[in-house]
PDB file of N, CA and C in Angstrom:
ATOM      1  N   MET A   1      98.163 150.633  79.722  1.00  0.00           N
ATOM      2  CA  MET A   1      99.231 149.668  79.862  1.00  0.00           C
ATOM      3  C   MET A   1      99.050 148.823  81.110  1.00  0.00           C
ATOM      4  N   THR A   2      98.622 149.446  82.212  1.00  0.00           N
ATOM      5  CA  THR A   2      98.409 148.724  83.452  1.00  0.00           C
ATOM      6  C   THR A   2      97.300 147.702  83.289  1.00  0.00           C
ATOM      7  N   THR A   3      96.243 148.063  82.542  1.00  0.00           N
ATOM      8  CA  THR A   3      95.131 147.146  82.315  1.00  0.00           C
ATOM      9  C   THR A   3      95.596 145.931  81.531  1.00  0.00           C
ATOM     10  N   ILE A   4      96.466 146.117  80.582  1.00  0.00           N
ATOM     11  CA  ILE A   4      96.981 145.000  79.785  1.00  0.00           C
ATOM     12  C   ILE A   4      97.809 144.083  80.666  1.00  0.00           C
ATOM     13  N   ARG A   5      98.660 144.645  81.533  1.00  0.00           N
ATOM     14  CA  ARG A   5      99.467 143.826  82.431  1.00  0.00           C
ATOM     15  C   ARG A   5      98.592 143.013  83.369  1.00  0.00           C
ATOM     16  N   ILE A   6      97.578 143.654  83.929  1.00  0.00           N
ATOM     17  CA  ILE A   6      96.684 142.950  84.843  1.00  0.00           C
ATOM     18  C   ILE A   6      95.963 141.839  84.103  1.00  0.00           C
ATOM     19  N   SER A   7      95.534 142.115  82.896  1.00  0.00           N
ATOM     20  CA  SER A   7      94.838 141.095  82.103  1.00  0.00           C
ATOM     21  C   SER A   7      95.760 139.929  81.789  1.00  0.00           C
ATOM     22  N   LEU A   8      97.003 140.197  81.440  1.00  0.00           N
ATOM     23  CA  LEU A   8      97.953 139.134  81.152  1.00  0.00           C
ATOM     24  C   LEU A   8      98.246 138.313  82.403  1.00  0.00           C
ATOM     25  N   ILE A   9      98.378 138.982  83.546  1.00  0.00           N
ATOM     26  CA  ILE A   9      98.626 138.279  84.802  1.00  0.00           C
ATOM     27  C   ILE A   9      97.421 137.421  85.156  1.00  0.00           C
ATOM     28  N   THR A  10      96.227 137.964  84.976  1.00  0.00           N
ATOM     29  CA  THR A  10      95.005 137.205  85.251  1.00  0.00           C
ATOM     30  C   THR A  10      94.903 135.998  84.331  1.00  0.00           C
ATOM     31  N   LEU A  11      95.197 136.191  83.067  1.00  0.00           N
ATOM     32  CA  LEU A  11      95.147 135.095  82.099  1.00  0.00           C
ATOM     33  C   LEU A  11      96.174 134.023  82.443  1.00  0.00           C
ATOM     34  N   LEU A  12      97.384 134.432  82.798  1.00  0.00           N
ATOM     35  CA  LEU A  12      98.431 133.487  83.169  1.00  0.00           C
ATOM     36  C   LEU A  12      98.024 132.700  84.418  1.00  0.00           C
ATOM     37  N   ALA A  13      97.472 133.381  85.407  1.00  0.00           N
ATOM     38  CA  ALA A  13      97.022 132.705  86.626  1.00  0.00           C
ATOM     39  C   ALA A  13      95.923 131.701  86.313  1.00  0.00           C
ATOM     40  N   ALA A  14      95.002 132.071  85.439  1.00  0.00           N
ATOM     41  CA  ALA A  14      93.910 131.153  85.071  1.00  0.00           C
ATOM     42  C   ALA A  14      94.454 129.930  84.336  1.00  0.00           C
ATOM     43  N   LEU A  15      95.421 130.140  83.459  1.00  0.00           N
ATOM     44  CA  LEU A  15      96.020 129.012  82.733  1.00  0.00           C
ATOM     45  C   LEU A  15      96.740 128.066  83.688  1.00  0.00           C
ATOM     46  N   LEU A  16      97.495 128.637  84.622  1.00  0.00           N
ATOM     47  CA  LEU A  16      98.199 127.802  85.597  1.00  0.00           C
ATOM     48  C   LEU A  16      97.221 127.043  86.486  1.00  0.00           C
ATOM     49  N   ALA A  17      96.157 127.691  86.882  1.00  0.00           N
ATOM     50  CA  ALA A  17      95.160 127.025  87.735  1.00  0.00           C
ATOM     51  C   ALA A  17      94.474 125.895  86.977  1.00  0.00           C
ATOM     52  N   SER A  18      94.140 126.126  85.710  1.00  0.00           N
ATOM     53  CA  SER A  18      93.473 125.065  84.949  1.00  0.00           C
ATOM     54  C   SER A  18      94.428 123.910  84.674  1.00  0.00           C
ATOM     55  N   ALA A  19      95.708 124.194  84.481  1.00  0.00           N
ATOM     56  CA  ALA A  19      96.693 123.125  84.284  1.00  0.00           C
ATOM     57  C   ALA A  19      96.846 122.303  85.553  1.00  0.00           C
ATOM     58  N   ALA A  20      96.843 122.963  86.690  1.00  0.00           N
ATOM     59  CA  ALA A  20      96.955 122.247  87.958  1.00  0.00           C
ATOM     60  C   ALA A  20      95.727 121.378  88.196  1.00  0.00           C
ATOM     61  N   CYS A  21      94.552 121.906  87.883  1.00  0.00           N
ATOM     62  CA  CYS A  21      93.318 121.117  88.044  1.00  0.00           C
ATOM     63  C   CYS A  21      93.319 119.913  87.115  1.00  0.00           C
ATOM     64  N   ALA A  22      93.781 120.101  85.892  1.00  0.00           N
ATOM     65  CA  ALA A  22      93.824 118.991  84.946  1.00  0.00           C
ATOM     66  C   ALA A  22      94.784 117.913  85.426  1.00  0.00           C
ATOM     67  N   ALA A  23      95.906 118.320  86.012  1.00  0.00           N
ATOM     68  CA  ALA A  23      96.872 117.341  86.527  1.00  0.00           C
ATOM     69  C   ALA A  23      96.281 116.557  87.685  1.00  0.00           C
ATOM     70  N   VAL A  24      95.537 117.245  88.534  1.00  0.00           N
ATOM     71  CA  VAL A  24      94.925 116.569  89.671  1.00  0.00           C
ATOM     72  C   VAL A  24      93.846 115.609  89.200  1.00  0.00           C
ATOM     73  N   GLU A  25      93.035 116.025  88.234  1.00  0.00           N
ATOM     74  CA  GLU A  25      91.956 115.182  87.731  1.00  0.00           C
ATOM     75  C   GLU A  25      92.478 113.950  86.999  1.00  0.00           C
ATOM     76  N   SER A  26      93.625 114.083  86.329  1.00  0.00           N
ATOM     77  CA  SER A  26      94.146 112.963  85.565  1.00  0.00           C
ATOM     78  C   SER A  26      94.903 111.964  86.437  1.00  0.00           C
ATOM     79  N   ALA A  27      95.313 112.397  87.628  1.00  0.00           N
ATOM     80  CA  ALA A  27      96.044 111.489  88.514  1.00  0.00           C
ATOM     81  C   ALA A  27      95.080 110.463  89.102  1.00  0.00           C
ATOM     82  N   PRO A  28      95.491 109.199  89.140  1.00  0.00           N
ATOM     83  CA  PRO A  28      94.603 108.192  89.719  1.00  0.00           C
ATOM     84  C   PRO A  28      94.472 108.397  91.223  1.00  0.00           C
ATOM     85  N   ALA A  29      93.298 108.123  91.729  1.00  0.00           N
ATOM     86  CA  ALA A  29      93.064 108.263  93.163  1.00  0.00           C
ATOM     87  C   ALA A  29      93.815 107.163  93.905  1.00  0.00           C
ATOM     88  N   ALA A  30      94.544 107.547  94.917  1.00  0.00           N
ATOM     89  CA  ALA A  30      95.300 106.573  95.691  1.00  0.00           C
ATOM     90  C   ALA A  30      94.357 105.861  96.655  1.00  0.00           C
ATOM     91  N   ALA A  31      94.450 104.568  96.662  1.00  0.00           N
ATOM     92  CA  ALA A  31      93.636 103.792  97.592  1.00  0.00           C
ATOM     93  C   ALA A  31      94.271 103.871  98.972  1.00  0.00           C
ATOM     94  N   PRO A  32      93.470 104.100  99.986  1.00  0.00           N
ATOM     95  CA  PRO A  32      94.059 104.171 101.324  1.00  0.00           C
ATOM     96  C   PRO A  32      94.579 102.805 101.756  1.00  0.00           C
ATOM     97  N   ASP A  33      95.700 102.815 102.441  1.00  0.00           N
ATOM     98  CA  ASP A  33      96.275 101.583 102.961  1.00  0.00           C
ATOM     99  C   ASP A  33      95.676 101.356 104.344  1.00  0.00           C
ATOM    100  N   THR A  34      94.759 100.415 104.447  1.00  0.00           N
ATOM    101  CA  THR A  34      94.049 100.200 105.705  1.00  0.00           C
ATOM    102  C   THR A  34      94.984  99.723 106.814  1.00  0.00           C
ATOM    103  N   TYR A  35      96.051  99.028 106.455  1.00  0.00           N
ATOM    104  CA  TYR A  35      96.998  98.558 107.470  1.00  0.00           C
ATOM    105  C   TYR A  35      97.781  99.723 108.067  1.00  0.00           C
ATOM    106  N   ALA A  36      98.257 100.617 107.200  1.00  0.00           N
ATOM    107  CA  ALA A  36      98.983 101.800 107.689  1.00  0.00           C
ATOM    108  C   ALA A  36      98.042 102.697 108.479  1.00  0.00           C
ATOM    109  N   LYS A  37      96.810 102.847 108.005  1.00  0.00           N
ATOM    110  CA  LYS A  37      95.825 103.665 108.704  1.00  0.00           C
ATOM    111  C   LYS A  37      95.541 103.089 110.090  1.00  0.00           C
ATOM    112  N   ALA A  38      95.489 101.775 110.203  1.00  0.00           N
ATOM    113  CA  ALA A  38      95.244 101.148 111.508  1.00  0.00           C
ATOM    114  C   ALA A  38      96.358 101.480 112.493  1.00  0.00           C
ATOM    115  N   VAL A  39      97.595 101.505 112.009  1.00  0.00           N
ATOM    116  CA  VAL A  39      98.733 101.853 112.874  1.00  0.00           C
ATOM    117  C   VAL A  39      98.602 103.300 113.340  1.00  0.00           C
ATOM    118  N   LEU A  40      98.348 104.212 112.407  1.00  0.00           N
ATOM    119  CA  LEU A  40      98.253 105.630 112.757  1.00  0.00           C
ATOM    120  C   LEU A  40      97.044 105.899 113.662  1.00  0.00           C
ATOM    121  N   ASP A  41      95.928 105.247 113.386  1.00  0.00           N
ATOM    122  CA  ASP A  41      94.742 105.412 114.234  1.00  0.00           C
ATOM    123  C   ASP A  41      95.003 104.910 115.649  1.00  0.00           C
ATOM    124  N   CYS A  42      95.711 103.787 115.758  1.00  0.00           N
ATOM    125  CA  CYS A  42      96.039 103.232 117.068  1.00  0.00           C
ATOM    126  C   CYS A  42      96.908 104.211 117.860  1.00  0.00           C
ATOM    127  N   HIS A  43      97.903 104.783 117.220  1.00  0.00           N
ATOM    128  CA  HIS A  43      98.787 105.742 117.884  1.00  0.00           C
ATOM    129  C   HIS A  43      98.019 106.996 118.307  1.00  0.00           C
ATOM    130  N   ALA A  44      97.167 107.493 117.421  1.00  0.00           N
ATOM    131  CA  ALA A  44      96.394 108.699 117.743  1.00  0.00           C
ATOM    132  C   ALA A  44      95.447 108.435 118.913  1.00  0.00           C
ATOM    133  N   ALA A  45      94.789 107.282 118.910  1.00  0.00           N
ATOM    134  CA  ALA A  45      93.869 106.943 120.002  1.00  0.00           C
ATOM    135  C   ALA A  45      94.627 106.835 121.323  1.00  0.00           C
ATOM    136  N   TYR A  46      95.788 106.223 121.292  1.00  0.00           N
ATOM    137  CA  TYR A  46      96.608 106.093 122.497  1.00  0.00           C
ATOM    138  C   TYR A  46      96.998 107.478 123.016  1.00  0.00           C
ATOM    139  N   ALA A  47      97.405 108.344 122.101  1.00  0.00           N
ATOM    140  CA  ALA A  47      97.812 109.698 122.492  1.00  0.00           C
ATOM    141  C   ALA A  47      96.645 110.457 123.110  1.00  0.00           C
ATOM    142  N   HIS A  48      95.476 110.375 122.490  1.00  0.00           N
ATOM    143  CA  HIS A  48      94.297 111.062 123.036  1.00  0.00           C
ATOM    144  C   HIS A  48      93.952 110.526 124.428  1.00  0.00           C
ATOM    145  N   ARG A  49      94.075 109.220 124.592  1.00  0.00           N
ATOM    146  CA  ARG A  49      93.703 108.574 125.851  1.00  0.00           C
ATOM    147  C   ARG A  49      94.615 109.012 126.996  1.00  0.00           C
ATOM    148  N   TYR A  50      95.924 109.115 126.730  1.00  0.00           N
ATOM    149  CA  TYR A  50      96.871 109.336 127.820  1.00  0.00           C
ATOM    150  C   TYR A  50      97.486 110.725 127.876  1.00  0.00           C
ATOM    151  N   ALA A  51      97.159 111.594 126.946  1.00  0.00           N
ATOM    152  CA  ALA A  51      97.760 112.930 126.925  1.00  0.00           C
ATOM    153  C   ALA A  51      97.498 113.692 128.213  1.00  0.00           C
ATOM    154  N   LYS A  52      96.267 113.634 128.701  1.00  0.00           N
ATOM    155  CA  LYS A  52      95.906 114.392 129.902  1.00  0.00           C
ATOM    156  C   LYS A  52      95.772 113.499 131.124  1.00  0.00           C
ATOM    157  N   ALA A  53      95.747 112.198 130.906  1.00  0.00           N
ATOM    158  CA  ALA A  53      95.480 111.275 132.013  1.00  0.00           C
ATOM    159  C   ALA A  53      96.748 110.773 132.692  1.00  0.00           C
ATOM    160  N   SER A  54      97.893 111.260 132.263  1.00  0.00           N
ATOM    161  CA  SER A  54      99.132 110.803 132.893  1.00  0.00           C
ATOM    162  C   SER A  54     100.121 111.955 132.953  1.00  0.00           C
ATOM    163  N   SER A  55     101.142 111.757 133.748  1.00  0.00           N
ATOM    164  CA  SER A  55     102.193 112.775 133.845  1.00  0.00           C
ATOM    165  C   SER A  55     103.377 112.425 132.951  1.00  0.00           C
ATOM    166  N   ALA A  56     103.195 111.452 132.078  1.00  0.00           N
ATOM    167  CA  ALA A  56     104.274 111.042 131.172  1.00  0.00           C
ATOM    168  C   ALA A  56     104.548 112.140 130.146  1.00  0.00           C
ATOM    169  N   THR A  57     105.786 112.186 129.701  1.00  0.00           N
ATOM    170  CA  THR A  57     106.163 113.142 128.664  1.00  0.00           C
ATOM    171  C   THR A  57     105.609 112.669 127.324  1.00  0.00           C
ATOM    172  N   PRO A  58     105.529 113.563 126.338  1.00  0.00           N
ATOM    173  CA  PRO A  58     105.072 113.138 125.008  1.00  0.00           C
ATOM    174  C   PRO A  58     105.897 111.983 124.436  1.00  0.00           C
ATOM    175  N   SER A  59     107.202 112.005 124.660  1.00  0.00           N
ATOM    176  CA  SER A  59     108.051 110.912 124.154  1.00  0.00           C
ATOM    177  C   SER A  59     107.746 109.598 124.858  1.00  0.00           C
ATOM    178  N   GLU A  60     107.484 109.661 126.149  1.00  0.00           N
ATOM    179  CA  GLU A  60     107.139 108.443 126.883  1.00  0.00           C
ATOM    180  C   GLU A  60     105.799 107.884 126.421  1.00  0.00           C
ATOM    181  N   ILE A  61     104.851 108.769 126.156  1.00  0.00           N
ATOM    182  CA  ILE A  61     103.553 108.318 125.650  1.00  0.00           C
ATOM    183  C   ILE A  61     103.724 107.714 124.257  1.00  0.00           C
ATOM    184  N   ALA A  62     104.583 108.302 123.435  1.00  0.00           N
ATOM    185  CA  ALA A  62     104.842 107.737 122.104  1.00  0.00           C
ATOM    186  C   ALA A  62     105.482 106.360 122.210  1.00  0.00           C
ATOM    187  N   ASP A  63     106.382 106.186 123.163  1.00  0.00           N
ATOM    188  CA  ASP A  63     106.979 104.860 123.382  1.00  0.00           C
ATOM    189  C   ASP A  63     105.912 103.858 123.809  1.00  0.00           C
ATOM    190  N   GLY A  64     105.003 104.295 124.669  1.00  0.00           N
ATOM    191  CA  GLY A  64     103.905 103.429 125.080  1.00  0.00           C
ATOM    192  C   GLY A  64     103.008 103.064 123.917  1.00  0.00           C
ATOM    193  N   ALA A  65     102.756 104.026 123.033  1.00  0.00           N
ATOM    194  CA  ALA A  65     101.936 103.764 121.849  1.00  0.00           C
ATOM    195  C   ALA A  65     102.620 102.755 120.929  1.00  0.00           C
ATOM    196  N   ASP A  66     103.949 102.866 120.823  1.00  0.00           N
ATOM    197  CA  ASP A  66     104.689 101.884 120.014  1.00  0.00           C
ATOM    198  C   ASP A  66     104.414 100.472 120.526  1.00  0.00           C
ATOM    199  N   ALA A  67     104.443 100.320 121.833  1.00  0.00           N
ATOM    200  CA  ALA A  67     104.205  98.998 122.426  1.00  0.00           C
ATOM    201  C   ALA A  67     102.740  98.585 122.305  1.00  0.00           C
ATOM    202  N   ALA A  68     101.825  99.508 122.574  1.00  0.00           N
ATOM    203  CA  ALA A  68     100.397  99.179 122.539  1.00  0.00           C
ATOM    204  C   ALA A  68      99.911  98.870 121.122  1.00  0.00           C
ATOM    205  N   CYS A  69     100.561  99.428 120.133  1.00  0.00           N
ATOM    206  CA  CYS A  69     100.132  99.258 118.741  1.00  0.00           C
ATOM    207  C   CYS A  69     100.991  98.242 117.990  1.00  0.00           C
ATOM    208  N   TRP A  70     101.685  97.411 118.738  1.00  0.00           N
ATOM    209  CA  TRP A  70     102.594  96.425 118.148  1.00  0.00           C
ATOM    210  C   TRP A  70     101.882  95.502 117.160  1.00  0.00           C
ATOM    211  N   ASP A  71     100.682  95.032 117.515  1.00  0.00           N
ATOM    212  CA  ASP A  71      99.947  94.116 116.634  1.00  0.00           C
ATOM    213  C   ASP A  71      99.599  94.774 115.302  1.00  0.00           C
ATOM    214  N   ALA A  72      99.176  96.031 115.358  1.00  0.00           N
ATOM    215  CA  ALA A  72      98.845  96.748 114.122  1.00  0.00           C
ATOM    216  C   ALA A  72     100.089  96.936 113.258  1.00  0.00           C
ATOM    217  N   MET A  73     101.228  97.237 113.899  1.00  0.00           N
ATOM    218  CA  MET A  73     102.470  97.414 113.141  1.00  0.00           C
ATOM    219  C   MET A  73     102.932  96.089 112.534  1.00  0.00           C
ATOM    220  N   THR A  74     102.771  95.007 113.268  1.00  0.00           N
ATOM    221  CA  THR A  74     103.150  93.681 112.755  1.00  0.00           C
ATOM    222  C   THR A  74     102.280  93.312 111.556  1.00  0.00           C
ATOM    223  N   ALA A  75     101.001  93.626 111.633  1.00  0.00           N
ATOM    224  CA  ALA A  75     100.106  93.356 110.491  1.00  0.00           C
ATOM    225  C   ALA A  75     100.538  94.185 109.283  1.00  0.00           C
ATOM    226  N   TYR A  76     100.923  95.439 109.507  1.00  0.00           N
ATOM    227  CA  TYR A  76     101.404  96.270 108.402  1.00  0.00           C
ATOM    228  C   TYR A  76     102.690  95.686 107.820  1.00  0.00           C
ATOM    229  N   GLU A  77     103.575  95.239 108.692  1.00  0.00           N
ATOM    230  CA  GLU A  77     104.836  94.662 108.230  1.00  0.00           C
ATOM    231  C   GLU A  77     104.573  93.459 107.318  1.00  0.00           C
ATOM    232  N   ARG A  78     103.637  92.593 107.718  1.00  0.00           N
ATOM    233  CA  ARG A  78     103.277  91.450 106.861  1.00  0.00           C
ATOM    234  C   ARG A  78     102.643  91.927 105.560  1.00  0.00           C
ATOM    235  N   HIS A  79     101.856  92.975 105.643  1.00  0.00           N
ATOM    236  CA  HIS A  79     101.158  93.523 104.479  1.00  0.00           C
ATOM    237  C   HIS A  79     102.128  94.096 103.439  1.00  0.00           C
ATOM    238  N   THR A  80     103.307  94.548 103.867  1.00  0.00           N
ATOM    239  CA  THR A  80     104.254  95.125 102.902  1.00  0.00           C
ATOM    240  C   THR A  80     104.676  94.108 101.847  1.00  0.00           C
ATOM    241  N   ALA A  81     104.552  92.817 102.152  1.00  0.00           N
ATOM    242  CA  ALA A  81     104.872  91.792 101.148  1.00  0.00           C
ATOM    243  C   ALA A  81     103.934  91.905  99.958  1.00  0.00           C
ATOM    244  N   ASP A  82     102.705  92.368 100.191  1.00  0.00           N
ATOM    245  CA  ASP A  82     101.750  92.555  99.098  1.00  0.00           C
ATOM    246  C   ASP A  82     102.027  93.832  98.321  1.00  0.00           C
ATOM    247  N   LEU A  83     102.720  94.773  98.945  1.00  0.00           N
ATOM    248  CA  LEU A  83     102.964  96.068  98.317  1.00  0.00           C
ATOM    249  C   LEU A  83     104.224  96.106  97.470  1.00  0.00           C
ATOM    250  N   VAL A  84     105.185  95.273  97.816  1.00  0.00           N
ATOM    251  CA  VAL A  84     106.478  95.289  97.118  1.00  0.00           C
ATOM    252  C   VAL A  84     106.630  93.984  96.342  1.00  0.00           C
ATOM    253  N   PRO A  85     106.745  94.078  95.008  1.00  0.00           N
ATOM    254  CA  PRO A  85     106.936  92.851  94.228  1.00  0.00           C
ATOM    255  C   PRO A  85     108.244  92.161  94.613  1.00  0.00           C
ATOM    256  N   ASN A  86     108.223  90.848  94.654  1.00  0.00           N
ATOM    257  CA  ASN A  86     109.378  90.095  95.114  1.00  0.00           C
ATOM    258  C   ASN A  86     109.813  89.102  94.032  1.00  0.00           C
ATOM    259  N   ALA A  87     110.492  89.601  92.997  1.00  0.00           N
ATOM    260  CA  ALA A  87     111.033  88.735  91.956  1.00  0.00           C
ATOM    261  C   ALA A  87     112.242  87.993  92.526  1.00  0.00           C
ATOM    262  N   ASP A  88     112.486  86.784  92.033  1.00  0.00           N
ATOM    263  CA  ASP A  88     113.586  85.972  92.557  1.00  0.00           C
ATOM    264  C   ASP A  88     114.922  86.707  92.548  1.00  0.00           C
ATOM    265  N   ASN A  89     115.190  87.414  91.488  1.00  0.00           N
ATOM    266  CA  ASN A  89     116.486  88.078  91.375  1.00  0.00           C
ATOM    267  C   ASN A  89     116.544  89.402  92.144  1.00  0.00           C
ATOM    268  N   LEU A  90     115.412  89.840  92.700  1.00  0.00           N
ATOM    269  CA  LEU A  90     115.380  91.099  93.429  1.00  0.00           C
ATOM    270  C   LEU A  90     114.925  90.921  94.876  1.00  0.00           C
ATOM    271  N   ALA A  91     115.043  89.726  95.403  1.00  0.00           N
ATOM    272  CA  ALA A  91     114.547  89.445  96.751  1.00  0.00           C
ATOM    273  C   ALA A  91     115.194  90.349  97.795  1.00  0.00           C
ATOM    274  N   GLY A  92     116.478  90.586  97.671  1.00  0.00           N
ATOM    275  CA  GLY A  92     117.183  91.453  98.621  1.00  0.00           C
ATOM    276  C   GLY A  92     116.692  92.882  98.565  1.00  0.00           C
ATOM    277  N   LEU A  93     116.463  93.385  97.349  1.00  0.00           N
ATOM    278  CA  LEU A  93     115.963  94.755  97.200  1.00  0.00           C
ATOM    279  C   LEU A  93     114.544  94.879  97.737  1.00  0.00           C
ATOM    280  N   ALA A  94     113.719  93.866  97.508  1.00  0.00           N
ATOM    281  CA  ALA A  94     112.349  93.891  98.014  1.00  0.00           C
ATOM    282  C   ALA A  94     112.345  93.910  99.537  1.00  0.00           C
ATOM    283  N   LYS A  95     113.211  93.115 100.128  1.00  0.00           N
ATOM    284  CA  LYS A  95     113.294  93.087 101.593  1.00  0.00           C
ATOM    285  C   LYS A  95     113.739  94.442 102.125  1.00  0.00           C
ATOM    286  N   ASP A  96     114.724  95.057 101.466  1.00  0.00           N
ATOM    287  CA  ASP A  96     115.197  96.377 101.878  1.00  0.00           C
ATOM    288  C   ASP A  96     114.080  97.411 101.781  1.00  0.00           C
ATOM    289  N   LYS A  97     113.291  97.353 100.710  1.00  0.00           N
ATOM    290  CA  LYS A  97     112.185  98.290 100.513  1.00  0.00           C
ATOM    291  C   LYS A  97     111.137  98.104 101.600  1.00  0.00           C
ATOM    292  N   ARG A  98     110.837  96.859 101.940  1.00  0.00           N
ATOM    293  CA  ARG A  98     109.852  96.577 102.987  1.00  0.00           C
ATOM    294  C   ARG A  98     110.340  97.104 104.339  1.00  0.00           C
ATOM    295  N   VAL A  99     111.607  96.887 104.649  1.00  0.00           N
ATOM    296  CA  VAL A  99     112.175  97.377 105.909  1.00  0.00           C
ATOM    297  C   VAL A  99     112.090  98.905 105.949  1.00  0.00           C
ATOM    298  N   GLU A 100     112.391  99.539 104.829  1.00  0.00           N
ATOM    299  CA  GLU A 100     112.321 100.997 104.748  1.00  0.00           C
ATOM    300  C   GLU A 100     110.890 101.487 104.967  1.00  0.00           C
ATOM    301  N   MET A 101     109.909 100.799 104.385  1.00  0.00           N
ATOM    302  CA  MET A 101     108.510 101.188 104.546  1.00  0.00           C
ATOM    303  C   MET A 101     108.066 101.080 106.003  1.00  0.00           C
ATOM    304  N   VAL A 102     108.447  99.992 106.657  1.00  0.00           N
ATOM    305  CA  VAL A 102     108.073  99.792 108.058  1.00  0.00           C
ATOM    306  C   VAL A 102     108.748 100.831 108.934  1.00  0.00           C
ATOM    307  N   ARG A 103     110.014 101.096 108.683  1.00  0.00           N
ATOM    308  CA  ARG A 103     110.754 102.095 109.463  1.00  0.00           C
ATOM    309  C   ARG A 103     110.119 103.474 109.305  1.00  0.00           C
ATOM    310  N   GLU A 104     109.747 103.820 108.086  1.00  0.00           N
ATOM    311  CA  GLU A 104     109.153 105.129 107.824  1.00  0.00           C
ATOM    312  C   GLU A 104     107.788 105.261 108.514  1.00  0.00           C
ATOM    313  N   LEU A 105     106.954 104.234 108.429  1.00  0.00           N
ATOM    314  CA  LEU A 105     105.652 104.297 109.100  1.00  0.00           C
ATOM    315  C   LEU A 105     105.839 104.360 110.609  1.00  0.00           C
ATOM    316  N   SER A 106     106.773 103.612 111.135  1.00  0.00           N
ATOM    317  CA  SER A 106     107.038 103.616 112.571  1.00  0.00           C
ATOM    318  C   SER A 106     107.478 105.005 113.033  1.00  0.00           C
ATOM    319  N   ARG A 107     108.363 105.622 112.278  1.00  0.00           N
ATOM    320  CA  ARG A 107     108.831 106.971 112.619  1.00  0.00           C
ATOM    321  C   ARG A 107     107.675 107.960 112.553  1.00  0.00           C
ATOM    322  N   HIS A 108     106.872 107.842 111.509  1.00  0.00           N
ATOM    323  CA  HIS A 108     105.741 108.757 111.344  1.00  0.00           C
ATOM    324  C   HIS A 108     104.733 108.585 112.484  1.00  0.00           C
ATOM    325  N   ALA A 109     104.422 107.355 112.832  1.00  0.00           N
ATOM    326  CA  ALA A 109     103.473 107.089 113.914  1.00  0.00           C
ATOM    327  C   ALA A 109     103.996 107.632 115.240  1.00  0.00           C
ATOM    328  N   HIS A 110     105.291 107.473 115.472  1.00  0.00           N
ATOM    329  CA  HIS A 110     105.906 107.939 116.722  1.00  0.00           C
ATOM    330  C   HIS A 110     105.778 109.461 116.848  1.00  0.00           C
ATOM    331  N   VAL A 111     106.119 110.180 115.795  1.00  0.00           N
ATOM    332  CA  VAL A 111     106.050 111.644 115.874  1.00  0.00           C
ATOM    333  C   VAL A 111     104.606 112.129 115.846  1.00  0.00           C
ATOM    334  N   LEU A 112     103.711 111.389 115.192  1.00  0.00           N
ATOM    335  CA  LEU A 112     102.290 111.720 115.239  1.00  0.00           C
ATOM    336  C   LEU A 112     101.791 111.663 116.681  1.00  0.00           C
ATOM    337  N   THR A 113     102.214 110.655 117.410  1.00  0.00           N
ATOM    338  CA  THR A 113     101.804 110.515 118.804  1.00  0.00           C
ATOM    339  C   THR A 113     102.314 111.689 119.628  1.00  0.00           C
ATOM    340  N   ILE A 114     103.571 112.047 119.460  1.00  0.00           N
ATOM    341  CA  ILE A 114     104.141 113.175 120.194  1.00  0.00           C
ATOM    342  C   ILE A 114     103.381 114.459 119.869  1.00  0.00           C
ATOM    343  N   ASP A 115     103.127 114.688 118.579  1.00  0.00           N
ATOM    344  CA  ASP A 115     102.398 115.882 118.155  1.00  0.00           C
ATOM    345  C   ASP A 115     100.990 115.908 118.753  1.00  0.00           C
ATOM    346  N   THR A 116     100.316 114.778 118.753  1.00  0.00           N
ATOM    347  CA  THR A 116      98.960 114.701 119.295  1.00  0.00           C
ATOM    348  C   THR A 116      98.951 115.015 120.788  1.00  0.00           C
ATOM    349  N   VAL A 117      99.917 114.476 121.526  1.00  0.00           N
ATOM    350  CA  VAL A 117      99.998 114.749 122.967  1.00  0.00           C
ATOM    351  C   VAL A 117     100.252 116.231 123.213  1.00  0.00           C
ATOM    352  N   ILE A 118     101.159 116.814 122.464  1.00  0.00           N
ATOM    353  CA  ILE A 118     101.465 118.239 122.635  1.00  0.00           C
ATOM    354  C   ILE A 118     100.229 119.081 122.342  1.00  0.00           C
ATOM    355  N   ARG A 119      99.526 118.761 121.269  1.00  0.00           N
ATOM    356  CA  ARG A 119      98.318 119.536 120.920  1.00  0.00           C
ATOM    357  C   ARG A 119      97.221 119.368 121.967  1.00  0.00           C
ATOM    358  N   GLU A 120      97.024 118.140 122.435  1.00  0.00           N
ATOM    359  CA  GLU A 120      96.008 117.884 123.473  1.00  0.00           C
ATOM    360  C   GLU A 120      96.332 118.672 124.730  1.00  0.00           C
ATOM    361  N   THR A 121      97.586 118.666 125.127  1.00  0.00           N
ATOM    362  CA  THR A 121      98.009 119.382 126.326  1.00  0.00           C
ATOM    363  C   THR A 121      97.849 120.890 126.127  1.00  0.00           C
ATOM    364  N   ALA A 122      98.247 121.389 124.975  1.00  0.00           N
ATOM    365  CA  ALA A 122      98.144 122.811 124.692  1.00  0.00           C
ATOM    366  C   ALA A 122      96.680 123.236 124.625  1.00  0.00           C
ATOM    367  N   ASN A 123      95.839 122.440 123.988  1.00  0.00           N
ATOM    368  CA  ASN A 123      94.415 122.768 123.924  1.00  0.00           C
ATOM    369  C   ASN A 123      93.804 122.801 125.318  1.00  0.00           C
ATOM    370  N   GLY A 124      94.194 121.868 126.157  1.00  0.00           N
ATOM    371  CA  GLY A 124      93.706 121.864 127.532  1.00  0.00           C
ATOM    372  C   GLY A 124      94.129 123.105 128.279  1.00  0.00           C
ATOM    373  N   ALA A 125      95.363 123.540 128.059  1.00  0.00           N
ATOM    374  CA  ALA A 125      95.867 124.739 128.733  1.00  0.00           C
ATOM    375  C   ALA A 125      95.179 125.986 128.213  1.00  0.00           C
ATOM    376  N   LEU A 126      94.912 126.032 126.907  1.00  0.00           N
ATOM    377  CA  LEU A 126      94.264 127.190 126.317  1.00  0.00           C
ATOM    378  C   LEU A 126      92.804 127.297 126.724  1.00  0.00           C
ATOM    379  N   LEU A 127      92.132 126.155 126.823  1.00  0.00           N
ATOM    380  CA  LEU A 127      90.708 126.161 127.159  1.00  0.00           C
ATOM    381  C   LEU A 127      90.456 126.248 128.657  1.00  0.00           C
ATOM    382  N   GLY A 128      91.458 125.912 129.430  1.00  0.00           N
ATOM    383  CA  GLY A 128      91.327 125.959 130.883  1.00  0.00           C
ATOM    384  C   GLY A 128      90.676 124.710 131.441  1.00  0.00           C
ATOM    385  N   PRO A 129      90.613 124.613 132.751  1.00  0.00           N
ATOM    386  CA  PRO A 129      90.066 123.405 133.383  1.00  0.00           C
ATOM    387  C   PRO A 129      88.566 123.262 133.225  1.00  0.00           C
TER     388      PRO A 129
END
């Protein structure tokens, strides 16, 4: 009886795994958004540069990254017009969606910077001088 249960559990696990693989294979590959990536890369580079080179807090470094990466964020903001369809009767909704996208990327970039600074500082402390 135990062998039958194990076999059924193994079979069920294999079926679930193959279904998950099929779902992943059938999903279209998402194209990376180079504008959003530029914003995140800019924030990460800023965090790496200043994490150990200043006495600023992670939040202060994130604020600095917001300012230093302004051009990349502005380019992304302009790029959102290409991402959100703007039909005449839905212009207000399209604008709201674009504002939401920019706000979300800005929030994500800000916390990414804080996380990067914390990790850089912690790694430095763990590895020693």
